Amino acid sequence: MPWVDILGYFGASLTLCVYSMKRMIPLRIVGICANIVFVVYGFLGAVYPQMVLHGILLPINAYRLREMHILVRKVKAAADSDLNMEWLKPHMSRRTVQRGDVLFRKNDTSSDMFYTVSGRYRLSEIGQDVEPGQLIGELGLIAPDNKRTLTFECIEDGDLLVISYDHVKQLYFQNPEFGFYFLQLTSQRLFKDIERLRAAETPVADGDLSRAADASDPMSIKAIGPG
């Protein structure tokens, strides 16, 4: 068998490996190897349509491989982040609120996440004041019934940044960095509330944990806007 044909069979075996692989980075690497083999085979064997096809697929696979490596670096950076959400600001809309305005009530269906920029707010049922620089309502997105467990009201005129859960979901799936921010934020909030409940020697029943996780003792993160 001519060695050029052997080269073609080798390229075919690499292509079969590509279609049987599940992990994207190894898949792209093997795909690039198959493209190179077929370009050489097509040139030496005068199979020019195949040479052209794999000549086009080669830079596409190389570009996708580069994207995957960038994605991995971003995920690692997000996992080591300090929850700075400054980059989220362009995706949020500003809302001016006045004293007495109720942003959401207990048992309302959750639909938005809030960031306090200025003014003062309160979680009515537990008497917890919320100062500027805090994120409120993020756990309603992952709550089983998407119900609010506390009432969030304004007690001093100010501004909020608001983002809908639909937009949050889009960012979560489109941007892995935001996904890791969100997971870190929610998990740290839950652990902090569990510690608070233990410190108060309060039994952590299912209802207590659900109530605490929604908004009690909100976790402060770096300010997005003034105040």
Foldseek 3Di string as FASTA:
>chain_A
DDVLVVLVVVLVVLVVVLVVDDDLLVSLVSLLVSLVSQLVSCVVVVVVVSNVVSVVVNVVSVVVNVVVVVQVVLLVDLLVDPLAPLVCQVQWDKDWDAAPAWPDAFFDQAWKKKAFAQAKKAFPVVGDIDGHQFIAQLCLLVDPRSTAHTIIGGHHIGMMIMHTSVSLVVCVVVRVSSVSSSVVQLVVQLVVQVVVCVVVVHDDDVVSSVNSSRGPPTDGDDGNYHD
